[in-house]
Amino acid sequence: VQTGGVLRLSCAASGRTFGAYVAAWFRQAPGKE
């Protein structure tokens, strides 16, 4: 996208009941942690 643009990321979870869970998004750029 261009600067100022919009995106929506989705994360589909499966395999258990997630009621007691925390979900998070992380990111990693090249050469960075």
ModelCIF file with pLDDT and N, C-alpha, C, O atoms, coordinates in Angstrom:
data_MODEL
#
_entry.id   MODEL 
#
_entity.id                         1 
_entity.type                       polymer 
_entity.pdbx_number_of_molecules   1 
#
_entity_poly.entity_id                      1 
_entity_poly.type                           'polypeptide(L)' 
_entity_poly.nstd_linkage                   no 
_entity_poly.nstd_monomer                   no 
_entity_poly.pdbx_seq_one_letter_code       VQTGGVLRLSCAASGRTFGAYVAAWFRQAPGKE 
_entity_poly.pdbx_seq_one_letter_code_can   VQTGGVLRLSCAASGRTFGAYVAAWFRQAPGKE 
_entity_poly.pdbx_strand_id                 A 
#
loop_
_entity_poly_seq.entity_id 
_entity_poly_seq.num 
_entity_poly_seq.mon_id 
_entity_poly_seq.hetero 
1 1  VAL n 
1 2  GLN n 
1 3  THR n 
1 4  GLY n 
1 5  GLY n 
1 6  VAL n 
1 7  LEU n 
1 8  ARG n 
1 9  LEU n 
1 10 SER n 
1 11 CYS n 
1 12 ALA n 
1 13 ALA n 
1 14 SER n 
1 15 GLY n 
1 16 ARG n 
1 17 THR n 
1 18 PHE n 
1 19 GLY n 
1 20 ALA n 
1 21 TYR n 
1 22 VAL n 
1 23 ALA n 
1 24 ALA n 
1 25 TRP n 
1 26 PHE n 
1 27 ARG n 
1 28 GLN n 
1 29 ALA n 
1 30 PRO n 
1 31 GLY n 
1 32 LYS n 
1 33 GLU n 
#
_struct_asym.id          A 
_struct_asym.entity_id   1 
#
loop_
_ma_qa_metric.id 
_ma_qa_metric.mode 
_ma_qa_metric.name 
_ma_qa_metric.software_group_id 
_ma_qa_metric.type 
1 global pLDDT . pLDDT 
2 local  pLDDT . pLDDT 
#
_ma_qa_metric_global.metric_id      1 
_ma_qa_metric_global.metric_value   94.21 
_ma_qa_metric_global.model_id       1 
_ma_qa_metric_global.ordinal_id     1 
#
loop_
_ma_qa_metric_local.label_asym_id 
_ma_qa_metric_local.label_comp_id 
_ma_qa_metric_local.label_seq_id 
_ma_qa_metric_local.metric_id 
_ma_qa_metric_local.metric_value 
_ma_qa_metric_local.model_id 
_ma_qa_metric_local.ordinal_id 
A VAL 1  2 98.00 1 1  
A GLN 2  2 98.00 1 2  
A THR 3  2 98.00 1 3  
A GLY 4  2 98.00 1 4  
A GLY 5  2 98.00 1 5  
A VAL 6  2 98.00 1 6  
A LEU 7  2 98.00 1 7  
A ARG 8  2 98.00 1 8  
A LEU 9  2 98.00 1 9  
A SER 10 2 98.00 1 10 
A CYS 11 2 97.00 1 11 
A ALA 12 2 96.00 1 12 
A ALA 13 2 95.00 1 13 
A SER 14 2 92.00 1 14 
A GLY 15 2 90.00 1 15 
A ARG 16 2 83.00 1 16 
A THR 17 2 79.00 1 17 
A PHE 18 2 82.00 1 18 
A GLY 19 2 80.00 1 19 
A ALA 20 2 83.00 1 20 
A TYR 21 2 91.00 1 21 
A VAL 22 2 96.00 1 22 
A ALA 23 2 96.00 1 23 
A ALA 24 2 98.00 1 24 
A TRP 25 2 98.00 1 25 
A PHE 26 2 98.00 1 26 
A ARG 27 2 98.00 1 27 
A GLN 28 2 98.00 1 28 
A ALA 29 2 97.00 1 29 
A PRO 30 2 93.00 1 30 
A GLY 31 2 95.00 1 31 
A LYS 32 2 97.00 1 32 
A GLU 33 2 97.00 1 33 
#
loop_
_atom_site.group_PDB 
_atom_site.id 
_atom_site.type_symbol 
_atom_site.label_atom_id 
_atom_site.label_alt_id 
_atom_site.label_comp_id 
_atom_site.label_asym_id 
_atom_site.label_entity_id 
_atom_site.label_seq_id 
_atom_site.pdbx_PDB_ins_code 
_atom_site.Cartn_x 
_atom_site.Cartn_y 
_atom_site.Cartn_z 
_atom_site.occupancy 
_atom_site.B_iso_or_equiv 
_atom_site.pdbx_formal_charge 
_atom_site.auth_seq_id 
_atom_site.auth_comp_id 
_atom_site.auth_asym_id 
_atom_site.auth_atom_id 
_atom_site.pdbx_PDB_model_num 
ATOM 1   N N  . VAL A 1 1  ? 0.850   -1.191  0.000  1.00 98.00 ? 1  VAL A N  1 
ATOM 2   C CA . VAL A 1 1  ? 0.000   0.000   0.000  1.00 98.00 ? 1  VAL A CA 1 
ATOM 3   C C  . VAL A 1 1  ? 0.882   1.237   0.000  1.00 98.00 ? 1  VAL A C  1 
ATOM 4   O O  . VAL A 1 1  ? 2.073   1.167   0.304  1.00 98.00 ? 1  VAL A O  1 
ATOM 5   N N  . GLN A 1 2  ? 0.284   2.364   -0.344 1.00 98.00 ? 2  GLN A N  1 
ATOM 6   C CA . GLN A 1 2  ? 1.003   3.628   -0.296 1.00 98.00 ? 2  GLN A CA 1 
ATOM 7   C C  . GLN A 1 2  ? 0.906   4.242   1.091  1.00 98.00 ? 2  GLN A C  1 
ATOM 8   O O  . GLN A 1 2  ? 0.050   3.866   1.892  1.00 98.00 ? 2  GLN A O  1 
ATOM 9   N N  . THR A 1 3  ? 1.789   5.183   1.363  1.00 98.00 ? 3  THR A N  1 
ATOM 10  C CA . THR A 1 3  ? 1.729   5.914   2.628  1.00 98.00 ? 3  THR A CA 1 
ATOM 11  C C  . THR A 1 3  ? 0.334   6.506   2.815  1.00 98.00 ? 3  THR A C  1 
ATOM 12  O O  . THR A 1 3  ? -0.245  7.097   1.903  1.00 98.00 ? 3  THR A O  1 
ATOM 13  N N  . GLY A 1 4  ? -0.188  6.326   4.037  1.00 98.00 ? 4  GLY A N  1 
ATOM 14  C CA . GLY A 1 4  ? -1.537  6.792   4.332  1.00 98.00 ? 4  GLY A CA 1 
ATOM 15  C C  . GLY A 1 4  ? -2.606  5.761   4.055  1.00 98.00 ? 4  GLY A C  1 
ATOM 16  O O  . GLY A 1 4  ? -3.777  5.992   4.357  1.00 98.00 ? 4  GLY A O  1 
ATOM 17  N N  . GLY A 1 5  ? -2.232  4.634   3.488  1.00 98.00 ? 5  GLY A N  1 
ATOM 18  C CA . GLY A 1 5  ? -3.190  3.593   3.129  1.00 98.00 ? 5  GLY A CA 1 
ATOM 19  C C  . GLY A 1 5  ? -3.667  2.775   4.319  1.00 98.00 ? 5  GLY A C  1 
ATOM 20  O O  . GLY A 1 5  ? -3.283  2.997   5.468  1.00 98.00 ? 5  GLY A O  1 
ATOM 21  N N  . VAL A 1 6  ? -4.524  1.816   3.983  1.00 98.00 ? 6  VAL A N  1 
ATOM 22  C CA . VAL A 1 6  ? -5.200  0.999   4.993  1.00 98.00 ? 6  VAL A CA 1 
ATOM 23  C C  . VAL A 1 6  ? -5.047  -0.483  4.640  1.00 98.00 ? 6  VAL A C  1 
ATOM 24  O O  . VAL A 1 6  ? -5.124  -0.862  3.471  1.00 98.00 ? 6  VAL A O  1 
ATOM 25  N N  . LEU A 1 7  ? -4.829  -1.319  5.670  1.00 98.00 ? 7  LEU A N  1 
ATOM 26  C CA . LEU A 1 7  ? -4.851  -2.764  5.519  1.00 98.00 ? 7  LEU A CA 1 
ATOM 27  C C  . LEU A 1 7  ? -5.495  -3.366  6.754  1.00 98.00 ? 7  LEU A C  1 
ATOM 28  O O  . LEU A 1 7  ? -5.435  -2.788  7.839  1.00 98.00 ? 7  LEU A O  1 
ATOM 29  N N  . ARG A 1 8  ? -6.112  -4.534  6.588  1.00 98.00 ? 8  ARG A N  1 
ATOM 30  C CA . ARG A 1 8  ? -6.613  -5.287  7.729  1.00 98.00 ? 8  ARG A CA 1 
ATOM 31  C C  . ARG A 1 8  ? -6.028  -6.685  7.687  1.00 98.00 ? 8  ARG A C  1 
ATOM 32  O O  . ARG A 1 8  ? -6.237  -7.435  6.733  1.00 98.00 ? 8  ARG A O  1 
ATOM 33  N N  . LEU A 1 9  ? -5.293  -7.024  8.735  1.00 98.00 ? 9  LEU A N  1 
ATOM 34  C CA . LEU A 1 9  ? -4.729  -8.360  8.868  1.00 98.00 ? 9  LEU A CA 1 
ATOM 35  C C  . LEU A 1 9  ? -5.687  -9.241  9.654  1.00 98.00 ? 9  LEU A C  1 
ATOM 36  O O  . LEU A 1 9  ? -6.369  -8.778  10.568 1.00 98.00 ? 9  LEU A O  1 
ATOM 37  N N  . SER A 1 10 ? -5.728  -10.517 9.287  1.00 98.00 ? 10 SER A N  1 
ATOM 38  C CA . SER A 1 10 ? -6.540  -11.494 9.999  1.00 98.00 ? 10 SER A CA 1 
ATOM 39  C C  . SER A 1 10 ? -5.649  -12.634 10.478 1.00 98.00 ? 10 SER A C  1 
ATOM 40  O O  . SER A 1 10 ? -4.657  -12.983 9.838  1.00 98.00 ? 10 SER A O  1 
ATOM 41  N N  . CYS A 1 11 ? -6.024  -13.199 11.611 1.00 97.00 ? 11 CYS A N  1 
ATOM 42  C CA . CYS A 1 11 ? -5.322  -14.353 12.164 1.00 97.00 ? 11 CYS A CA 1 
ATOM 43  C C  . CYS A 1 11 ? -6.369  -15.376 12.584 1.00 97.00 ? 11 CYS A C  1 
ATOM 44  O O  . CYS A 1 11 ? -7.049  -15.197 13.595 1.00 97.00 ? 11 CYS A O  1 
ATOM 45  N N  . ALA A 1 12 ? -6.497  -16.431 11.820 1.00 96.00 ? 12 ALA A N  1 
ATOM 46  C CA . ALA A 1 12 ? -7.474  -17.479 12.110 1.00 96.00 ? 12 ALA A CA 1 
ATOM 47  C C  . ALA A 1 12 ? -6.830  -18.530 13.001 1.00 96.00 ? 12 ALA A C  1 
ATOM 48  O O  . ALA A 1 12 ? -5.799  -19.107 12.656 1.00 96.00 ? 12 ALA A O  1 
ATOM 49  N N  . ALA A 1 13 ? -7.448  -18.771 14.150 1.00 95.00 ? 13 ALA A N  1 
ATOM 50  C CA . ALA A 1 13 ? -6.909  -19.700 15.138 1.00 95.00 ? 13 ALA A CA 1 
ATOM 51  C C  . ALA A 1 13 ? -7.733  -20.985 15.181 1.00 95.00 ? 13 ALA A C  1 
ATOM 52  O O  . ALA A 1 13 ? -8.954  -20.948 15.028 1.00 95.00 ? 13 ALA A O  1 
ATOM 53  N N  . SER A 1 14 ? -7.072  -22.110 15.387 1.00 92.00 ? 14 SER A N  1 
ATOM 54  C CA . SER A 1 14 ? -7.771  -23.390 15.490 1.00 92.00 ? 14 SER A CA 1 
ATOM 55  C C  . SER A 1 14 ? -6.981  -24.319 16.395 1.00 92.00 ? 14 SER A C  1 
ATOM 56  O O  . SER A 1 14 ? -5.802  -24.091 16.666 1.00 92.00 ? 14 SER A O  1 
ATOM 57  N N  . GLY A 1 15 ? -7.643  -25.364 16.855 1.00 90.00 ? 15 GLY A N  1 
ATOM 58  C CA . GLY A 1 15 ? -6.953  -26.394 17.612 1.00 90.00 ? 15 GLY A CA 1 
ATOM 59  C C  . GLY A 1 15 ? -7.287  -26.477 19.079 1.00 90.00 ? 15 GLY A C  1 
ATOM 60  O O  . GLY A 1 15 ? -6.926  -27.451 19.740 1.00 90.00 ? 15 GLY A O  1 
ATOM 61  N N  . ARG A 1 16 ? -7.981  -25.460 19.614 1.00 83.00 ? 16 ARG A N  1 
ATOM 62  C CA . ARG A 1 16 ? -8.361  -25.516 21.019 1.00 83.00 ? 16 ARG A CA 1 
ATOM 63  C C  . ARG A 1 16 ? -9.355  -24.401 21.307 1.00 83.00 ? 16 ARG A C  1 
ATOM 64  O O  . ARG A 1 16 ? -9.711  -23.622 20.423 1.00 83.00 ? 16 ARG A O  1 
ATOM 65  N N  . THR A 1 17 ? -9.794  -24.337 22.559 1.00 79.00 ? 17 THR A N  1 
ATOM 66  C CA . THR A 1 17 ? -10.637 -23.227 23.023 1.00 79.00 ? 17 THR A CA 1 
ATOM 67  C C  . THR A 1 17 ? -9.718  -22.122 23.532 1.00 79.00 ? 17 THR A C  1 
ATOM 68  O O  . THR A 1 17 ? -8.826  -22.372 24.343 1.00 79.00 ? 17 THR A O  1 
ATOM 69  N N  . PHE A 1 18 ? -9.939  -20.901 23.053 1.00 82.00 ? 18 PHE A N  1 
ATOM 70  C CA . PHE A 1 18 ? -9.000  -19.817 23.322 1.00 82.00 ? 18 PHE A CA 1 
ATOM 71  C C  . PHE A 1 18 ? -9.478  -18.829 24.377 1.00 82.00 ? 18 PHE A C  1 
ATOM 72  O O  . PHE A 1 18 ? -8.897  -17.754 24.529 1.00 82.00 ? 18 PHE A O  1 
ATOM 73  N N  . GLY A 1 19 ? -10.517 -19.180 25.095 1.00 80.00 ? 19 GLY A N  1 
ATOM 74  C CA . GLY A 1 19 ? -11.112 -18.228 26.025 1.00 80.00 ? 19 GLY A CA 1 
ATOM 75  C C  . GLY A 1 19 ? -10.149 -17.612 27.018 1.00 80.00 ? 19 GLY A C  1 
ATOM 76  O O  . GLY A 1 19 ? -10.305 -16.442 27.369 1.00 80.00 ? 19 GLY A O  1 
ATOM 77  N N  . ALA A 1 20 ? -9.154  -18.362 27.487 1.00 83.00 ? 20 ALA A N  1 
ATOM 78  C CA . ALA A 1 20 ? -8.223  -17.845 28.498 1.00 83.00 ? 20 ALA A CA 1 
ATOM 79  C C  . ALA A 1 20 ? -6.936  -17.325 27.882 1.00 83.00 ? 20 ALA A C  1 
ATOM 80  O O  . ALA A 1 20 ? -5.971  -17.057 28.597 1.00 83.00 ? 20 ALA A O  1 
ATOM 81  N N  . TYR A 1 21 ? -6.912  -17.184 26.593 1.00 91.00 ? 21 TYR A N  1 
ATOM 82  C CA . TYR A 1 21 ? -5.685  -16.832 25.894 1.00 91.00 ? 21 TYR A CA 1 
ATOM 83  C C  . TYR A 1 21 ? -5.576  -15.325 25.648 1.00 91.00 ? 21 TYR A C  1 
ATOM 84  O O  . TYR A 1 21 ? -6.556  -14.580 25.643 1.00 91.00 ? 21 TYR A O  1 
ATOM 85  N N  . VAL A 1 22 ? -4.333  -14.934 25.446 1.00 96.00 ? 22 VAL A N  1 
ATOM 86  C CA . VAL A 1 22 ? -3.997  -13.602 24.942 1.00 96.00 ? 22 VAL A CA 1 
ATOM 87  C C  . VAL A 1 22 ? -3.498  -13.777 23.509 1.00 96.00 ? 22 VAL A C  1 
ATOM 88  O O  . VAL A 1 22 ? -2.740  -14.701 23.214 1.00 96.00 ? 22 VAL A O  1 
ATOM 89  N N  . ALA A 1 23 ? -3.928  -12.886 22.629 1.00 96.00 ? 23 ALA A N  1 
ATOM 90  C CA . ALA A 1 23 ? -3.430  -12.868 21.251 1.00 96.00 ? 23 ALA A CA 1 
ATOM 91  C C  . ALA A 1 23 ? -2.696  -11.557 21.010 1.00 96.00 ? 23 ALA A C  1 
ATOM 92  O O  . ALA A 1 23 ? -3.045  -10.525 21.583 1.00 96.00 ? 23 ALA A O  1 
ATOM 93  N N  . ALA A 1 24 ? -1.694  -11.605 20.172 1.00 98.00 ? 24 ALA A N  1 
ATOM 94  C CA . ALA A 1 24 ? -0.898  -10.406 19.917 1.00 98.00 ? 24 ALA A CA 1 
ATOM 95  C C  . ALA A 1 24 ? -0.408  -10.388 18.480 1.00 98.00 ? 24 ALA A C  1 
ATOM 96  O O  . ALA A 1 24 ? -0.350  -11.415 17.804 1.00 98.00 ? 24 ALA A O  1 
ATOM 97  N N  . TRP A 1 25 ? -0.061  -9.200  18.040 1.00 98.00 ? 25 TRP A N  1 
ATOM 98  C CA . TRP A 1 25 ? 0.614   -9.010  16.759 1.00 98.00 ? 25 TRP A CA 1 
ATOM 99  C C  . TRP A 1 25 ? 2.017   -8.466  17.032 1.00 98.00 ? 25 TRP A C  1 
ATOM 100 O O  . TRP A 1 25 ? 2.210   -7.537  17.816 1.00 98.00 ? 25 TRP A O  1 
ATOM 101 N N  . PHE A 1 26 ? 2.978   -9.076  16.359 1.00 98.00 ? 26 PHE A N  1 
ATOM 102 C CA . PHE A 1 26 ? 4.354   -8.598  16.364 1.00 98.00 ? 26 PHE A CA 1 
ATOM 103 C C  . PHE A 1 26 ? 4.750   -8.309  14.921 1.00 98.00 ? 26 PHE A C  1 
ATOM 104 O O  . PHE A 1 26 ? 4.060   -8.718  13.987 1.00 98.00 ? 26 PHE A O  1 
ATOM 105 N N  . ARG A 1 27 ? 5.852   -7.609  14.745 1.00 98.00 ? 27 ARG A N  1 
ATOM 106 C CA . ARG A 1 27 ? 6.361   -7.383  13.396 1.00 98.00 ? 27 ARG A CA 1 
ATOM 107 C C  . ARG A 1 27 ? 7.882   -7.422  13.404 1.00 98.00 ? 27 ARG A C  1 
ATOM 108 O O  . ARG A 1 27 ? 8.530   -7.155  14.416 1.00 98.00 ? 27 ARG A O  1 
ATOM 109 N N  . GLN A 1 28 ? 8.427   -7.762  12.246 1.00 98.00 ? 28 GLN A N  1 
ATOM 110 C CA . GLN A 1 28 ? 9.871   -7.835  12.121 1.00 98.00 ? 28 GLN A CA 1 
ATOM 111 C C  . GLN A 1 28 ? 10.293  -7.294  10.767 1.00 98.00 ? 28 GLN A C  1 
ATOM 112 O O  . GLN A 1 28 ? 9.934   -7.836  9.722  1.00 98.00 ? 28 GLN A O  1 
ATOM 113 N N  . ALA A 1 29 ? 11.063  -6.214  10.806 1.00 97.00 ? 29 ALA A N  1 
ATOM 114 C CA . ALA A 1 29 ? 11.614  -5.623  9.590  1.00 97.00 ? 29 ALA A CA 1 
ATOM 115 C C  . ALA A 1 29 ? 12.978  -6.253  9.306  1.00 97.00 ? 29 ALA A C  1 
ATOM 116 O O  . ALA A 1 29 ? 13.611  -6.785  10.219 1.00 97.00 ? 29 ALA A O  1 
ATOM 117 N N  . PRO A 1 30 ? 13.438  -6.201  8.057  1.00 93.00 ? 30 PRO A N  1 
ATOM 118 C CA . PRO A 1 30 ? 14.736  -6.787  7.728  1.00 93.00 ? 30 PRO A CA 1 
ATOM 119 C C  . PRO A 1 30 ? 15.862  -6.219  8.583  1.00 93.00 ? 30 PRO A C  1 
ATOM 120 O O  . PRO A 1 30 ? 16.003  -5.002  8.704  1.00 93.00 ? 30 PRO A O  1 
ATOM 121 N N  . GLY A 1 31 ? 16.660  -7.101  9.172  1.00 95.00 ? 31 GLY A N  1 
ATOM 122 C CA . GLY A 1 31 ? 17.791  -6.679  9.980  1.00 95.00 ? 31 GLY A CA 1 
ATOM 123 C C  . GLY A 1 31 ? 17.448  -6.200  11.374 1.00 95.00 ? 31 GLY A C  1 
ATOM 124 O O  . GLY A 1 31 ? 18.320  -5.736  12.108 1.00 95.00 ? 31 GLY A O  1 
ATOM 125 N N  . LYS A 1 32 ? 16.169  -6.311  11.747 1.00 97.00 ? 32 LYS A N  1 
ATOM 126 C CA . LYS A 1 32 ? 15.742  -5.832  13.072 1.00 97.00 ? 32 LYS A CA 1 
ATOM 127 C C  . LYS A 1 32 ? 15.149  -6.980  13.871 1.00 97.00 ? 32 LYS A C  1 
ATOM 128 O O  . LYS A 1 32 ? 14.781  -8.018  13.321 1.00 97.00 ? 32 LYS A O  1 
ATOM 129 N N  . GLU A 1 33 ? 15.063  -6.774  15.174 1.00 97.00 ? 33 GLU A N  1 
ATOM 130 C CA . GLU A 1 33 ? 14.448  -7.766  16.040 1.00 97.00 ? 33 GLU A CA 1 
ATOM 131 C C  . GLU A 1 33 ? 12.930  -7.703  15.920 1.00 97.00 ? 33 GLU A C  1 
ATOM 132 O O  . GLU A 1 33 ? 12.226  -8.468  16.578 1.00 97.00 ? 33 GLU A O  1 
#
